Amino acid sequence: MSEQKQSGFGAKLRQLREAAGLTQEALAEQTGMHKFGIAKLERGEREPAWATVRTLAKALGVNCLAFDVEDVPAIEQPARPRGRPPKTPDTDAPPSATVKRTASEKPAGMKGKGMKKLKEKEQ
């Protein structure tokens, strides 16, 4: 997975969009973009092309210089721990090693040979 860059453009875009009283969907309609494209720009997942910046500025009724991000504070993302999160124990379920089945408790999908082996183990 790739790291996301926080350029500040997304925060400025959100600020300008909200100041204009527009939703992401409304801004997308005015610019001819998809609402998920606007959302990705605001989250910093995508960097806009110059033509996109001009289109957004026109739809928001601002100059392209309104997107200058020097005055926007950087959004710090907390570092995610690497790897999978630890498993949480399920206290209601018995451990699988202690579960014994009898021949009368045929598991779903078990057919002939497997059932025969299960009966042999019980004897």
C-alpha atoms as a PDB file:
ATOM      1  CA  MET A   1       0.000   0.000   0.000  1.00  0.00           C
ATOM      2  CA  SER A   2       1.238   3.498  -0.700  1.00  0.00           C
ATOM      3  CA  GLU A   3       1.593   6.320   1.757  1.00  0.00           C
ATOM      4  CA  GLN A   4      -0.792   9.253   1.355  1.00  0.00           C
ATOM      5  CA  LYS A   5       0.701  12.707   0.951  1.00  0.00           C
ATOM      6  CA  GLN A   6      -1.040  15.526   2.780  1.00  0.00           C
ATOM      7  CA  SER A   7      -0.369  18.558   0.603  1.00  0.00           C
ATOM      8  CA  GLY A   8      -2.948  20.816   2.178  1.00  0.00           C
ATOM      9  CA  PHE A   9      -4.820  21.168  -1.103  1.00  0.00           C
ATOM     10  CA  GLY A  10      -7.578  18.881   0.116  1.00  0.00           C
ATOM     11  CA  ALA A  11      -8.108  20.824   3.336  1.00  0.00           C
ATOM     12  CA  LYS A  12      -8.237  24.086   1.388  1.00  0.00           C
ATOM     13  CA  LEU A  13     -10.671  22.589  -1.129  1.00  0.00           C
ATOM     14  CA  ARG A  14     -12.968  21.455   1.681  1.00  0.00           C
ATOM     15  CA  GLN A  15     -12.762  24.874   3.340  1.00  0.00           C
ATOM     16  CA  LEU A  16     -13.629  26.684   0.104  1.00  0.00           C
ATOM     17  CA  ARG A  17     -16.423  24.227  -0.763  1.00  0.00           C
ATOM     18  CA  GLU A  18     -18.050  24.601   2.651  1.00  0.00           C
ATOM     19  CA  ALA A  19     -17.688  28.401   2.485  1.00  0.00           C
ATOM     20  CA  ALA A  20     -19.545  28.288  -0.844  1.00  0.00           C
ATOM     21  CA  GLY A  21     -22.293  26.211   0.800  1.00  0.00           C
ATOM     22  CA  LEU A  22     -21.834  23.272  -1.536  1.00  0.00           C
ATOM     23  CA  THR A  23     -21.844  19.543  -0.889  1.00  0.00           C
ATOM     24  CA  GLN A  24     -19.287  17.291  -2.538  1.00  0.00           C
ATOM     25  CA  GLU A  25     -22.021  16.040  -4.845  1.00  0.00           C
ATOM     26  CA  ALA A  26     -23.103  19.561  -5.840  1.00  0.00           C
ATOM     27  CA  LEU A  27     -19.517  20.596  -6.557  1.00  0.00           C
ATOM     28  CA  ALA A  28     -19.017  17.429  -8.593  1.00  0.00           C
ATOM     29  CA  GLU A  29     -22.075  18.240 -10.711  1.00  0.00           C
ATOM     30  CA  GLN A  30     -20.864  21.800 -11.352  1.00  0.00           C
ATOM     31  CA  THR A  31     -17.386  20.659 -12.371  1.00  0.00           C
ATOM     32  CA  GLY A  32     -18.368  17.560 -14.334  1.00  0.00           C
ATOM     33  CA  MET A  33     -16.438  15.367 -11.927  1.00  0.00           C
ATOM     34  CA  HIS A  34     -17.591  12.373  -9.904  1.00  0.00           C
ATOM     35  CA  LYS A  35     -18.401  12.924  -6.228  1.00  0.00           C
ATOM     36  CA  PHE A  36     -15.818  10.294  -5.261  1.00  0.00           C
ATOM     37  CA  GLY A  37     -13.199  12.275  -7.199  1.00  0.00           C
ATOM     38  CA  ILE A  38     -13.961  15.349  -5.081  1.00  0.00           C
ATOM     39  CA  ALA A  39     -13.807  13.218  -1.913  1.00  0.00           C
ATOM     40  CA  LYS A  40     -10.415  11.769  -2.905  1.00  0.00           C
ATOM     41  CA  LEU A  41      -9.045  15.254  -3.558  1.00  0.00           C
ATOM     42  CA  GLU A  42     -10.266  16.444  -0.153  1.00  0.00           C
ATOM     43  CA  ARG A  43      -8.738  13.438   1.625  1.00  0.00           C
ATOM     44  CA  GLY A  44      -5.418  13.971  -0.127  1.00  0.00           C
ATOM     45  CA  GLU A  45      -5.554  10.646  -1.944  1.00  0.00           C
ATOM     46  CA  ARG A  46      -5.253  12.403  -5.304  1.00  0.00           C
ATOM     47  CA  GLU A  47      -3.410  15.487  -6.502  1.00  0.00           C
ATOM     48  CA  PRO A  48      -5.312  17.572  -9.077  1.00  0.00           C
ATOM     49  CA  ALA A  49      -4.156  18.453 -12.549  1.00  0.00           C
ATOM     50  CA  TRP A  50      -3.920  22.165 -13.355  1.00  0.00           C
ATOM     51  CA  ALA A  51      -7.100  21.966 -15.475  1.00  0.00           C
ATOM     52  CA  THR A  52      -8.932  20.474 -12.479  1.00  0.00           C
ATOM     53  CA  VAL A  53      -7.744  23.306 -10.216  1.00  0.00           C
ATOM     54  CA  ARG A  54      -9.023  25.868 -12.719  1.00  0.00           C
ATOM     55  CA  THR A  55     -12.372  24.085 -13.043  1.00  0.00           C
ATOM     56  CA  LEU A  56     -12.774  23.851  -9.256  1.00  0.00           C
ATOM     57  CA  ALA A  57     -11.876  27.528  -8.803  1.00  0.00           C
ATOM     58  CA  LYS A  58     -14.434  28.572 -11.408  1.00  0.00           C
ATOM     59  CA  ALA A  59     -17.172  26.432  -9.809  1.00  0.00           C
ATOM     60  CA  LEU A  60     -16.361  27.825  -6.343  1.00  0.00           C
ATOM     61  CA  GLY A  61     -16.233  31.405  -7.609  1.00  0.00           C
ATOM     62  CA  VAL A  62     -12.634  31.980  -6.501  1.00  0.00           C
ATOM     63  CA  ASN A  63      -9.258  32.660  -8.073  1.00  0.00           C
ATOM     64  CA  CYS A  64      -6.806  29.762  -8.434  1.00  0.00           C
ATOM     65  CA  LEU A  65      -4.627  31.529  -5.852  1.00  0.00           C
ATOM     66  CA  ALA A  66      -7.340  30.734  -3.282  1.00  0.00           C
ATOM     67  CA  PHE A  67      -5.915  27.219  -3.241  1.00  0.00           C
ATOM     68  CA  ASP A  68      -2.559  28.499  -1.959  1.00  0.00           C
ATOM     69  CA  VAL A  69      -1.901  26.165   0.959  1.00  0.00           C
ATOM     70  CA  GLU A  70       0.741  28.095   2.885  1.00  0.00           C
ATOM     71  CA  ASP A  71      -1.774  29.300   5.470  1.00  0.00           C
ATOM     72  CA  VAL A  72      -3.419  25.868   5.942  1.00  0.00           C
ATOM     73  CA  PRO A  73      -2.017  23.937   8.927  1.00  0.00           C
ATOM     74  CA  ALA A  74      -0.724  20.475   8.078  1.00  0.00           C
ATOM     75  CA  ILE A  75      -2.994  17.630   9.142  1.00  0.00           C
ATOM     76  CA  GLU A  76      -0.995  15.081  11.063  1.00  0.00           C
ATOM     77  CA  GLN A  77      -2.084  11.504  10.604  1.00  0.00           C
ATOM     78  CA  PRO A  78      -1.313   9.150  13.501  1.00  0.00           C
ATOM     79  CA  ALA A  79       1.106   6.418  12.507  1.00  0.00           C
ATOM     80  CA  ARG A  80      -0.619   3.090  11.970  1.00  0.00           C
ATOM     81  CA  PRO A  81       1.021   0.051  13.495  1.00  0.00           C
ATOM     82  CA  ARG A  82       2.398  -2.373  10.935  1.00  0.00           C
ATOM     83  CA  GLY A  83       0.888  -5.820  10.380  1.00  0.00           C
ATOM     84  CA  ARG A  84      -2.428  -7.301  11.358  1.00  0.00           C
ATOM     85  CA  PRO A  85      -4.197  -6.290  14.531  1.00  0.00           C
ATOM     86  CA  PRO A  86      -4.105  -8.922  17.281  1.00  0.00           C
ATOM     87  CA  LYS A  87      -6.978 -11.377  17.422  1.00  0.00           C
ATOM     88  CA  THR A  88      -9.506 -10.917  20.158  1.00  0.00           C
ATOM     89  CA  PRO A  89     -10.501 -14.128  21.956  1.00  0.00           C
ATOM     90  CA  ASP A  90     -14.087 -15.244  21.535  1.00  0.00           C
ATOM     91  CA  THR A  91     -15.087 -16.206  25.076  1.00  0.00           C
ATOM     92  CA  ASP A  92     -18.414 -17.755  24.068  1.00  0.00           C
ATOM     93  CA  ALA A  93     -16.973 -20.333  21.671  1.00  0.00           C
ATOM     94  CA  PRO A  94     -15.223 -23.435  23.015  1.00  0.00           C
ATOM     95  CA  PRO A  95     -11.650 -23.990  21.803  1.00  0.00           C
ATOM     96  CA  SER A  96     -11.652 -26.069  18.624  1.00  0.00           C
ATOM     97  CA  ALA A  97      -9.189 -28.596  20.058  1.00  0.00           C
ATOM     98  CA  THR A  98     -11.619 -29.659  22.776  1.00  0.00           C
ATOM     99  CA  VAL A  99     -14.630 -30.177  20.500  1.00  0.00           C
ATOM    100  CA  LYS A 100     -15.318 -33.906  19.909  1.00  0.00           C
ATOM    101  CA  ARG A 101     -17.881 -35.119  17.486  1.00  0.00           C
ATOM    102  CA  THR A 102     -19.658 -38.410  17.528  1.00  0.00           C
ATOM    103  CA  ALA A 103     -20.872 -40.324  14.517  1.00  0.00           C
ATOM    104  CA  SER A 104     -24.409 -39.194  15.261  1.00  0.00           C
ATOM    105  CA  GLU A 105     -23.297 -35.537  15.038  1.00  0.00           C
ATOM    106  CA  LYS A 106     -22.462 -35.584  11.352  1.00  0.00           C
ATOM    107  CA  PRO A 107     -20.924 -32.266  10.306  1.00  0.00           C
ATOM    108  CA  ALA A 108     -22.485 -30.593   7.291  1.00  0.00           C
ATOM    109  CA  GLY A 109     -20.878 -31.629   4.048  1.00  0.00           C
ATOM    110  CA  MET A 110     -19.210 -34.766   5.421  1.00  0.00           C
ATOM    111  CA  LYS A 111     -19.752 -37.709   3.128  1.00  0.00           C
ATOM    112  CA  GLY A 112     -18.978 -41.434   3.018  1.00  0.00           C
ATOM    113  CA  LYS A 113     -15.228 -41.873   3.647  1.00  0.00           C
ATOM    114  CA  GLY A 114     -14.966 -39.026   6.138  1.00  0.00           C
ATOM    115  CA  MET A 115     -17.910 -40.386   8.099  1.00  0.00           C
ATOM    116  CA  LYS A 116     -16.360 -43.863   8.020  1.00  0.00           C
ATOM    117  CA  LYS A 117     -13.094 -42.492   9.458  1.00  0.00           C
ATOM    118  CA  LEU A 118     -15.005 -40.634  12.154  1.00  0.00           C
ATOM    119  CA  LYS A 119     -16.791 -43.846  13.205  1.00  0.00           C
ATOM    120  CA  GLU A 120     -13.466 -45.736  13.266  1.00  0.00           C
ATOM    121  CA  LYS A 121     -11.934 -43.108  15.562  1.00  0.00           C
ATOM    122  CA  GLU A 122     -14.797 -43.444  18.033  1.00  0.00           C
ATOM    123  CA  GLN A 123     -14.299 -47.193  18.356  1.00  0.00           C
END
